[in-house]
Amino acid sequence: IPGLKAAARIHELSSELNLVTRNSRLVLNRVEEPIPEDRLKLIEKTGLEVAGRIPTDPLFEKFEFGSASFLDITDESAALRAVRDLTVALDL
């Protein structure tokens, strides 16, 4: 939720400061399905389109806490597959 609030505030500030952006979207990270109703309301309140969802991935825990290198992530990782799909969908 802190990241969601930060994204909403950044979006707000960019409008207030008249910053020109090509496209602002939201990428949800560590998503567990189904998304709870209270979070869906917060997402809607941001006014940002959801570009993609990166699922919670137990394989990332060992990387997150430094017991393995992110270079060792395999195709078994649901999060890695989601990021790859997102980059294709967004043409990055």
PDB file of N, CA and C in Angstrom:
ATOM      1  N   ILE A   1       0.816  -1.203   0.000  1.00  0.00           N
ATOM      2  CA  ILE A   1       0.000   0.000   0.000  1.00  0.00           C
ATOM      3  C   ILE A   1       0.860   1.268   0.000  1.00  0.00           C
ATOM      4  N   PRO A   2       2.015   1.293   0.703  1.00  0.00           N
ATOM      5  CA  PRO A   2       2.842   2.515   0.637  1.00  0.00           C
ATOM      6  C   PRO A   2       3.283   2.848  -0.787  1.00  0.00           C
ATOM      7  N   GLY A   3       3.634   1.817  -1.566  1.00  0.00           N
ATOM      8  CA  GLY A   3       4.045   2.057  -2.946  1.00  0.00           C
ATOM      9  C   GLY A   3       2.917   2.601  -3.803  1.00  0.00           C
ATOM     10  N   LEU A   4       1.717   2.119  -3.543  1.00  0.00           N
ATOM     11  CA  LEU A   4       0.541   2.584  -4.270  1.00  0.00           C
ATOM     12  C   LEU A   4       0.251   4.044  -3.945  1.00  0.00           C
ATOM     13  N   LYS A   5       0.369   4.388  -2.679  1.00  0.00           N
ATOM     14  CA  LYS A   5       0.163   5.777  -2.275  1.00  0.00           C
ATOM     15  C   LYS A   5       1.254   6.677  -2.862  1.00  0.00           C
ATOM     16  N   ALA A   6       2.478   6.188  -2.911  1.00  0.00           N
ATOM     17  CA  ALA A   6       3.569   6.975  -3.494  1.00  0.00           C
ATOM     18  C   ALA A   6       3.332   7.208  -4.988  1.00  0.00           C
ATOM     19  N   ALA A   7       2.888   6.170  -5.702  1.00  0.00           N
ATOM     20  CA  ALA A   7       2.604   6.310  -7.134  1.00  0.00           C
ATOM     21  C   ALA A   7       1.489   7.324  -7.366  1.00  0.00           C
ATOM     22  N   ALA A   8       0.461   7.273  -6.534  1.00  0.00           N
ATOM     23  CA  ALA A   8      -0.650   8.226  -6.663  1.00  0.00           C
ATOM     24  C   ALA A   8      -0.157   9.649  -6.434  1.00  0.00           C
ATOM     25  N   ARG A   9       0.696   9.824  -5.436  1.00  0.00           N
ATOM     26  CA  ARG A   9       1.196  11.177  -5.125  1.00  0.00           C
ATOM     27  C   ARG A   9       2.105  11.687  -6.237  1.00  0.00           C
ATOM     28  N   ILE A  10       2.946  10.842  -6.778  1.00  0.00           N
ATOM     29  CA  ILE A  10       3.824  11.243  -7.889  1.00  0.00           C
ATOM     30  C   ILE A  10       2.975  11.654  -9.089  1.00  0.00           C
ATOM     31  N   HIS A  11       1.926  10.896  -9.360  1.00  0.00           N
ATOM     32  CA  HIS A  11       1.019  11.224 -10.466  1.00  0.00           C
ATOM     33  C   HIS A  11       0.355  12.579 -10.229  1.00  0.00           C
ATOM     34  N   GLU A  12      -0.073  12.801  -9.008  1.00  0.00           N
ATOM     35  CA  GLU A  12      -0.688  14.074  -8.617  1.00  0.00           C
ATOM     36  C   GLU A  12       0.286  15.236  -8.799  1.00  0.00           C
ATOM     37  N   LEU A  13       1.501  15.061  -8.281  1.00  0.00           N
ATOM     38  CA  LEU A  13       2.512  16.117  -8.368  1.00  0.00           C
ATOM     39  C   LEU A  13       2.864  16.446  -9.811  1.00  0.00           C
ATOM     40  N   SER A  14       2.953  15.416 -10.647  1.00  0.00           N
ATOM     41  CA  SER A  14       3.305  15.678 -12.044  1.00  0.00           C
ATOM     42  C   SER A  14       2.247  16.547 -12.711  1.00  0.00           C
ATOM     43  N   SER A  15       0.987  16.347 -12.333  1.00  0.00           N
ATOM     44  CA  SER A  15      -0.088  17.191 -12.866  1.00  0.00           C
ATOM     45  C   SER A  15       0.007  18.605 -12.315  1.00  0.00           C
ATOM     46  N   GLU A  16       0.205  18.715 -10.997  1.00  0.00           N
ATOM     47  CA  GLU A  16       0.299  20.025 -10.360  1.00  0.00           C
ATOM     48  C   GLU A  16       1.461  20.850 -10.900  1.00  0.00           C
ATOM     49  N   LEU A  17       2.549  20.173 -11.244  1.00  0.00           N
ATOM     50  CA  LEU A  17       3.737  20.867 -11.737  1.00  0.00           C
ATOM     51  C   LEU A  17       3.751  20.999 -13.255  1.00  0.00           C
ATOM     52  N   ASN A  18       2.645  20.584 -13.880  1.00  0.00           N
ATOM     53  CA  ASN A  18       2.513  20.644 -15.339  1.00  0.00           C
ATOM     54  C   ASN A  18       3.649  19.926 -16.065  1.00  0.00           C
ATOM     55  N   LEU A  19       4.065  18.795 -15.510  1.00  0.00           N
ATOM     56  CA  LEU A  19       5.098  18.002 -16.166  1.00  0.00           C
ATOM     57  C   LEU A  19       4.478  17.249 -17.332  1.00  0.00           C
ATOM     58  N   VAL A  20       5.171  17.235 -18.430  1.00  0.00           N
ATOM     59  CA  VAL A  20       4.669  16.564 -19.619  1.00  0.00           C
ATOM     60  C   VAL A  20       5.194  15.124 -19.603  1.00  0.00           C
ATOM     61  N   THR A  21       4.266  14.193 -19.595  1.00  0.00           N
ATOM     62  CA  THR A  21       4.635  12.786 -19.671  1.00  0.00           C
ATOM     63  C   THR A  21       3.899  12.162 -20.836  1.00  0.00           C
ATOM     64  N   ARG A  22       4.556  11.221 -21.448  1.00  0.00           N
ATOM     65  CA  ARG A  22       3.944  10.561 -22.593  1.00  0.00           C
ATOM     66  C   ARG A  22       2.802   9.654 -22.148  1.00  0.00           C
ATOM     67  N   ASN A  23       3.043   8.922 -21.073  1.00  0.00           N
ATOM     68  CA  ASN A  23       2.037   7.993 -20.595  1.00  0.00           C
ATOM     69  C   ASN A  23       2.395   7.565 -19.174  1.00  0.00           C
ATOM     70  N   SER A  24       1.469   7.685 -18.266  1.00  0.00           N
ATOM     71  CA  SER A  24       1.694   7.252 -16.886  1.00  0.00           C
ATOM     72  C   SER A  24       0.796   6.069 -16.604  1.00  0.00           C
ATOM     73  N   ARG A  25       1.406   5.002 -16.139  1.00  0.00           N
ATOM     74  CA  ARG A  25       0.659   3.793 -15.823  1.00  0.00           C
ATOM     75  C   ARG A  25       1.167   3.217 -14.516  1.00  0.00           C
ATOM     76  N   LEU A  26       0.408   2.296 -13.999  1.00  0.00           N
ATOM     77  CA  LEU A  26       0.725   1.669 -12.731  1.00  0.00           C
ATOM     78  C   LEU A  26       1.090   0.210 -12.966  1.00  0.00           C
ATOM     79  N   VAL A  27       2.195  -0.226 -12.368  1.00  0.00           N
ATOM     80  CA  VAL A  27       2.571  -1.636 -12.384  1.00  0.00           C
ATOM     81  C   VAL A  27       2.437  -2.129 -10.949  1.00  0.00           C
ATOM     82  N   LEU A  28       1.588  -3.111 -10.759  1.00  0.00           N
ATOM     83  CA  LEU A  28       1.369  -3.665  -9.428  1.00  0.00           C
ATOM     84  C   LEU A  28       2.389  -4.757  -9.170  1.00  0.00           C
ATOM     85  N   ASN A  29       3.051  -4.677  -8.033  1.00  0.00           N
ATOM     86  CA  ASN A  29       4.101  -5.615  -7.681  1.00  0.00           C
ATOM     87  C   ASN A  29       3.683  -6.435  -6.464  1.00  0.00           C
ATOM     88  N   ARG A  30       4.130  -7.668  -6.433  1.00  0.00           N
ATOM     89  CA  ARG A  30       3.816  -8.594  -5.333  1.00  0.00           C
ATOM     90  C   ARG A  30       2.307  -8.761  -5.176  1.00  0.00           C
ATOM     91  N   VAL A  31       1.670  -8.998  -6.303  1.00  0.00           N
ATOM     92  CA  VAL A  31       0.216  -9.109  -6.347  1.00  0.00           C
ATOM     93  C   VAL A  31      -0.209 -10.535  -5.990  1.00  0.00           C
ATOM     94  N   GLU A  32      -1.169 -10.613  -5.116  1.00  0.00           N
ATOM     95  CA  GLU A  32      -1.812 -11.889  -4.812  1.00  0.00           C
ATOM     96  C   GLU A  32      -3.245 -11.782  -5.306  1.00  0.00           C
ATOM     97  N   GLU A  33      -3.673 -12.790  -6.024  1.00  0.00           N
ATOM     98  CA  GLU A  33      -5.027 -12.796  -6.575  1.00  0.00           C
ATOM     99  C   GLU A  33      -5.964 -13.529  -5.626  1.00  0.00           C
ATOM    100  N   PRO A  34      -7.172 -13.135  -5.488  1.00  0.00           N
ATOM    101  CA  PRO A  34      -7.731 -11.902  -6.017  1.00  0.00           C
ATOM    102  C   PRO A  34      -7.262 -10.697  -5.202  1.00  0.00           C
ATOM    103  N   ILE A  35      -7.236  -9.555  -5.870  1.00  0.00           N
ATOM    104  CA  ILE A  35      -6.836  -8.327  -5.187  1.00  0.00           C
ATOM    105  C   ILE A  35      -7.974  -7.914  -4.252  1.00  0.00           C
ATOM    106  N   PRO A  36      -7.648  -7.675  -2.974  1.00  0.00           N
ATOM    107  CA  PRO A  36      -8.695  -7.276  -2.020  1.00  0.00           C
ATOM    108  C   PRO A  36      -9.410  -5.997  -2.457  1.00  0.00           C
ATOM    109  N   GLU A  37     -10.678  -5.929  -2.127  1.00  0.00           N
ATOM    110  CA  GLU A  37     -11.533  -4.811  -2.528  1.00  0.00           C
ATOM    111  C   GLU A  37     -10.979  -3.457  -2.098  1.00  0.00           C
ATOM    112  N   ASP A  38     -10.409  -3.377  -0.892  1.00  0.00           N
ATOM    113  CA  ASP A  38      -9.874  -2.089  -0.422  1.00  0.00           C
ATOM    114  C   ASP A  38      -8.710  -1.621  -1.290  1.00  0.00           C
ATOM    115  N   ARG A  39      -7.908  -2.566  -1.767  1.00  0.00           N
ATOM    116  CA  ARG A  39      -6.794  -2.195  -2.653  1.00  0.00           C
ATOM    117  C   ARG A  39      -7.291  -1.806  -4.032  1.00  0.00           C
ATOM    118  N   LEU A  40      -8.320  -2.491  -4.506  1.00  0.00           N
ATOM    119  CA  LEU A  40      -8.899  -2.134  -5.802  1.00  0.00           C
ATOM    120  C   LEU A  40      -9.416  -0.700  -5.778  1.00  0.00           C
ATOM    121  N   LYS A  41     -10.009  -0.310  -4.659  1.00  0.00           N
ATOM    122  CA  LYS A  41     -10.504   1.063  -4.527  1.00  0.00           C
ATOM    123  C   LYS A  41      -9.351   2.062  -4.536  1.00  0.00           C
ATOM    124  N   LEU A  42      -8.249   1.720  -3.848  1.00  0.00           N
ATOM    125  CA  LEU A  42      -7.076   2.604  -3.853  1.00  0.00           C
ATOM    126  C   LEU A  42      -6.487   2.722  -5.256  1.00  0.00           C
ATOM    127  N   ILE A  43      -6.432   1.612  -5.967  1.00  0.00           N
ATOM    128  CA  ILE A  43      -5.906   1.606  -7.335  1.00  0.00           C
ATOM    129  C   ILE A  43      -6.759   2.508  -8.216  1.00  0.00           C
ATOM    130  N   GLU A  44      -8.065   2.361  -8.110  1.00  0.00           N
ATOM    131  CA  GLU A  44      -8.990   3.179  -8.905  1.00  0.00           C
ATOM    132  C   GLU A  44      -8.818   4.659  -8.581  1.00  0.00           C
ATOM    133  N   LYS A  45      -8.608   4.952  -7.305  1.00  0.00           N
ATOM    134  CA  LYS A  45      -8.476   6.337  -6.848  1.00  0.00           C
ATOM    135  C   LYS A  45      -7.239   7.031  -7.434  1.00  0.00           C
ATOM    136  N   THR A  46      -6.211   6.265  -7.808  1.00  0.00           N
ATOM    137  CA  THR A  46      -5.000   6.874  -8.359  1.00  0.00           C
ATOM    138  C   THR A  46      -5.260   7.535  -9.698  1.00  0.00           C
ATOM    139  N   GLY A  47      -6.262   7.031 -10.420  1.00  0.00           N
ATOM    140  CA  GLY A  47      -6.535   7.555 -11.750  1.00  0.00           C
ATOM    141  C   GLY A  47      -5.575   6.999 -12.795  1.00  0.00           C
ATOM    142  N   LEU A  48      -4.742   6.055 -12.387  1.00  0.00           N
ATOM    143  CA  LEU A  48      -3.766   5.472 -13.310  1.00  0.00           C
ATOM    144  C   LEU A  48      -4.272   4.153 -13.876  1.00  0.00           C
ATOM    145  N   GLU A  49      -3.983   3.938 -15.138  1.00  0.00           N
ATOM    146  CA  GLU A  49      -4.302   2.658 -15.770  1.00  0.00           C
ATOM    147  C   GLU A  49      -3.301   1.624 -15.252  1.00  0.00           C
ATOM    148  N   VAL A  50      -3.783   0.431 -14.964  1.00  0.00           N
ATOM    149  CA  VAL A  50      -2.889  -0.652 -14.540  1.00  0.00           C
ATOM    150  C   VAL A  50      -2.283  -1.272 -15.791  1.00  0.00           C
ATOM    151  N   ALA A  51      -0.961  -1.119 -15.921  1.00  0.00           N
ATOM    152  CA  ALA A  51      -0.256  -1.635 -17.095  1.00  0.00           C
ATOM    153  C   ALA A  51       0.037  -3.125 -16.956  1.00  0.00           C
ATOM    154  N   GLY A  52       0.198  -3.576 -15.723  1.00  0.00           N
ATOM    155  CA  GLY A  52       0.499  -4.983 -15.520  1.00  0.00           C
ATOM    156  C   GLY A  52       0.573  -5.335 -14.055  1.00  0.00           C
ATOM    157  N   ARG A  53       0.657  -6.621 -13.828  1.00  0.00           N
ATOM    158  CA  ARG A  53       0.731  -7.155 -12.467  1.00  0.00           C
ATOM    159  C   ARG A  53       1.884  -8.130 -12.384  1.00  0.00           C
ATOM    160  N   ILE A  54       2.698  -7.959 -11.367  1.00  0.00           N
ATOM    161  CA  ILE A  54       3.798  -8.880 -11.116  1.00  0.00           C
ATOM    162  C   ILE A  54       3.422  -9.655  -9.857  1.00  0.00           C
ATOM    163  N   PRO A  55       3.267 -10.978  -9.981  1.00  0.00           N
ATOM    164  CA  PRO A  55       2.780 -11.749  -8.843  1.00  0.00           C
ATOM    165  C   PRO A  55       3.817 -11.903  -7.736  1.00  0.00           C
ATOM    166  N   THR A  56       3.317 -12.199  -6.549  1.00  0.00           N
ATOM    167  CA  THR A  56       4.195 -12.587  -5.453  1.00  0.00           C
ATOM    168  C   THR A  56       4.908 -13.851  -5.908  1.00  0.00           C
ATOM    169  N   ASP A  57       6.206 -13.905  -5.695  1.00  0.00           N
ATOM    170  CA  ASP A  57       6.987 -15.034  -6.184  1.00  0.00           C
ATOM    171  C   ASP A  57       7.912 -15.533  -5.082  1.00  0.00           C
ATOM    172  N   PRO A  58       7.640 -16.728  -4.547  1.00  0.00           N
ATOM    173  CA  PRO A  58       8.472 -17.263  -3.474  1.00  0.00           C
ATOM    174  C   PRO A  58       9.938 -17.416  -3.881  1.00  0.00           C
ATOM    175  N   LEU A  59      10.202 -17.584  -5.166  1.00  0.00           N
ATOM    176  CA  LEU A  59      11.585 -17.705  -5.618  1.00  0.00           C
ATOM    177  C   LEU A  59      12.373 -16.424  -5.357  1.00  0.00           C
ATOM    178  N   PHE A  60      11.662 -15.294  -5.287  1.00  0.00           N
ATOM    179  CA  PHE A  60      12.349 -14.017  -5.090  1.00  0.00           C
ATOM    180  C   PHE A  60      12.839 -13.815  -3.668  1.00  0.00           C
ATOM    181  N   GLU A  61      12.272 -14.534  -2.705  1.00  0.00           N
ATOM    182  CA  GLU A  61      12.677 -14.339  -1.309  1.00  0.00           C
ATOM    183  C   GLU A  61      14.170 -14.544  -1.111  1.00  0.00           C
ATOM    184  N   LYS A  62      14.716 -15.595  -1.687  1.00  0.00           N
ATOM    185  CA  LYS A  62      16.144 -15.849  -1.503  1.00  0.00           C
ATOM    186  C   LYS A  62      16.997 -14.780  -2.185  1.00  0.00           C
ATOM    187  N   PHE A  63      16.482 -14.194  -3.256  1.00  0.00           N
ATOM    188  CA  PHE A  63      17.210 -13.118  -3.924  1.00  0.00           C
ATOM    189  C   PHE A  63      17.105 -11.829  -3.125  1.00  0.00           C
ATOM    190  N   GLU A  64      15.925 -11.598  -2.599  1.00  0.00           N
ATOM    191  CA  GLU A  64      15.667 -10.366  -1.861  1.00  0.00           C
ATOM    192  C   GLU A  64      16.535 -10.258  -0.608  1.00  0.00           C
ATOM    193  N   PHE A  65      16.784 -11.383   0.027  1.00  0.00           N
ATOM    194  CA  PHE A  65      17.548 -11.355   1.271  1.00  0.00           C
ATOM    195  C   PHE A  65      19.027 -11.659   1.057  1.00  0.00           C
ATOM    196  N   GLY A  66      19.476 -11.624  -0.188  1.00  0.00           N
ATOM    197  CA  GLY A  66      20.898 -11.693  -0.487  1.00  0.00           C
ATOM    198  C   GLY A  66      21.526 -13.067  -0.493  1.00  0.00           C
ATOM    199  N   SER A  67      20.740 -14.133  -0.388  1.00  0.00           N
ATOM    200  CA  SER A  67      21.354 -15.455  -0.392  1.00  0.00           C
ATOM    201  C   SER A  67      21.565 -15.990  -1.812  1.00  0.00           C
ATOM    202  N   ALA A  68      21.145 -15.225  -2.815  1.00  0.00           N
ATOM    203  CA  ALA A  68      21.364 -15.607  -4.209  1.00  0.00           C
ATOM    204  C   ALA A  68      21.387 -14.336  -5.057  1.00  0.00           C
ATOM    205  N   SER A  69      21.978 -14.446  -6.234  1.00  0.00           N
ATOM    206  CA  SER A  69      22.086 -13.304  -7.139  1.00  0.00           C
ATOM    207  C   SER A  69      20.876 -13.247  -8.066  1.00  0.00           C
ATOM    208  N   PHE A  70      20.412 -12.038  -8.353  1.00  0.00           N
ATOM    209  CA  PHE A  70      19.305 -11.875  -9.296  1.00  0.00           C
ATOM    210  C   PHE A  70      19.669 -12.401 -10.681  1.00  0.00           C
ATOM    211  N   LEU A  71      20.954 -12.526 -10.961  1.00  0.00           N
ATOM    212  CA  LEU A  71      21.394 -13.073 -12.250  1.00  0.00           C
ATOM    213  C   LEU A  71      21.067 -14.561 -12.371  1.00  0.00           C
ATOM    214  N   ASP A  72      20.758 -15.185 -11.243  1.00  0.00           N
ATOM    215  CA  ASP A  72      20.456 -16.618 -11.240  1.00  0.00           C
ATOM    216  C   ASP A  72      18.966 -16.929 -11.360  1.00  0.00           C
ATOM    217  N   ILE A  73      18.146 -15.929 -11.575  1.00  0.00           N
ATOM    218  CA  ILE A  73      16.704 -16.166 -11.705  1.00  0.00           C
ATOM    219  C   ILE A  73      16.451 -16.995 -12.963  1.00  0.00           C
ATOM    220  N   THR A  74      15.609 -17.989 -12.823  1.00  0.00           N
ATOM    221  CA  THR A  74      15.316 -18.873 -13.957  1.00  0.00           C
ATOM    222  C   THR A  74      13.916 -18.586 -14.507  1.00  0.00           C
ATOM    223  N   ASP A  75      13.614 -19.248 -15.599  1.00  0.00           N
ATOM    224  CA  ASP A  75      12.300 -19.098 -16.221  1.00  0.00           C
ATOM    225  C   ASP A  75      11.178 -19.686 -15.367  1.00  0.00           C
ATOM    226  N   GLU A  76      11.537 -20.378 -14.285  1.00  0.00           N
ATOM    227  CA  GLU A  76      10.518 -20.899 -13.358  1.00  0.00           C
ATOM    228  C   GLU A  76       9.845 -19.763 -12.600  1.00  0.00           C
ATOM    229  N   SER A  77      10.475 -18.617 -12.564  1.00  0.00           N
ATOM    230  CA  SER A  77       9.976 -17.491 -11.787  1.00  0.00           C
ATOM    231  C   SER A  77       8.756 -16.850 -12.448  1.00  0.00           C
ATOM    232  N   ALA A  78       7.636 -16.873 -11.727  1.00  0.00           N
ATOM    233  CA  ALA A  78       6.406 -16.248 -12.230  1.00  0.00           C
ATOM    234  C   ALA A  78       6.592 -14.740 -12.373  1.00  0.00           C
ATOM    235  N   ALA A  79       7.343 -14.143 -11.458  1.00  0.00           N
ATOM    236  CA  ALA A  79       7.582 -12.700 -11.513  1.00  0.00           C
ATOM    237  C   ALA A  79       8.403 -12.336 -12.751  1.00  0.00           C
ATOM    238  N   LEU A  80       9.432 -13.112 -13.042  1.00  0.00           N
ATOM    239  CA  LEU A  80      10.254 -12.843 -14.225  1.00  0.00           C
ATOM    240  C   LEU A  80       9.418 -12.959 -15.495  1.00  0.00           C
ATOM    241  N   ARG A  81       8.591 -13.989 -15.570  1.00  0.00           N
ATOM    242  CA  ARG A  81       7.725 -14.148 -16.756  1.00  0.00           C
ATOM    243  C   ARG A  81       6.780 -12.962 -16.889  1.00  0.00           C
ATOM    244  N   ALA A  82       6.241 -12.487 -15.765  1.00  0.00           N
ATOM    245  CA  ALA A  82       5.320 -11.339 -15.806  1.00  0.00           C
ATOM    246  C   ALA A  82       6.034 -10.080 -16.280  1.00  0.00           C
ATOM    247  N   VAL A  83       7.264  -9.874 -15.840  1.00  0.00           N
ATOM    248  CA  VAL A  83       8.037  -8.690 -16.258  1.00  0.00           C
ATOM    249  C   VAL A  83       8.328  -8.786 -17.760  1.00  0.00           C
ATOM    250  N   ARG A  84       8.704  -9.958 -18.221  1.00  0.00           N
ATOM    251  CA  ARG A  84       8.971 -10.129 -19.656  1.00  0.00           C
ATOM    252  C   ARG A  84       7.702  -9.840 -20.466  1.00  0.00           C
ATOM    253  N   ASP A  85       6.572 -10.377 -20.025  1.00  0.00           N
ATOM    254  CA  ASP A  85       5.304 -10.128 -20.724  1.00  0.00           C
ATOM    255  C   ASP A  85       4.965  -8.633 -20.733  1.00  0.00           C
ATOM    256  N   LEU A  86       5.237  -7.976 -19.621  1.00  0.00           N
ATOM    257  CA  LEU A  86       4.964  -6.543 -19.503  1.00  0.00           C
ATOM    258  C   LEU A  86       5.822  -5.735 -20.468  1.00  0.00           C
ATOM    259  N   THR A  87       7.091  -6.077 -20.570  1.00  0.00           N
ATOM    260  CA  THR A  87       7.971  -5.321 -21.476  1.00  0.00           C
ATOM    261  C   THR A  87       7.543  -5.500 -22.933  1.00  0.00           C
ATOM    262  N   VAL A  88       7.037  -6.676 -23.265  1.00  0.00           N
ATOM    263  CA  VAL A  88       6.530  -6.904 -24.627  1.00  0.00           C
ATOM    264  C   VAL A  88       5.243  -6.086 -24.833  1.00  0.00           C
ATOM    265  N   ALA A  89       4.333  -6.162 -23.864  1.00  0.00           N
ATOM    266  CA  ALA A  89       3.048  -5.457 -23.987  1.00  0.00           C
ATOM    267  C   ALA A  89       3.244  -3.944 -24.084  1.00  0.00           C
ATOM    268  N   LEU A  90       4.243  -3.424 -23.375  1.00  0.00           N
ATOM    269  CA  LEU A  90       4.493  -1.975 -23.383  1.00  0.00           C
ATOM    270  C   LEU A  90       5.484  -1.561 -24.478  1.00  0.00           C
ATOM    271  N   ASP A  91       5.951  -2.549 -25.232  1.00  0.00           N
ATOM    272  CA  ASP A  91       6.910  -2.301 -26.309  1.00  0.00           C
ATOM    273  C   ASP A  91       8.174  -1.629 -25.784  1.00  0.00           C
ATOM    274  N   LEU A  92       8.729  -2.191 -24.719  1.00  0.00           N
ATOM    275  CA  LEU A  92       9.958  -1.621 -24.132  1.00  0.00           C
ATOM    276  C   LEU A  92      11.185  -2.366 -24.617  1.00  0.00           C
TER     277      LEU A  92
END
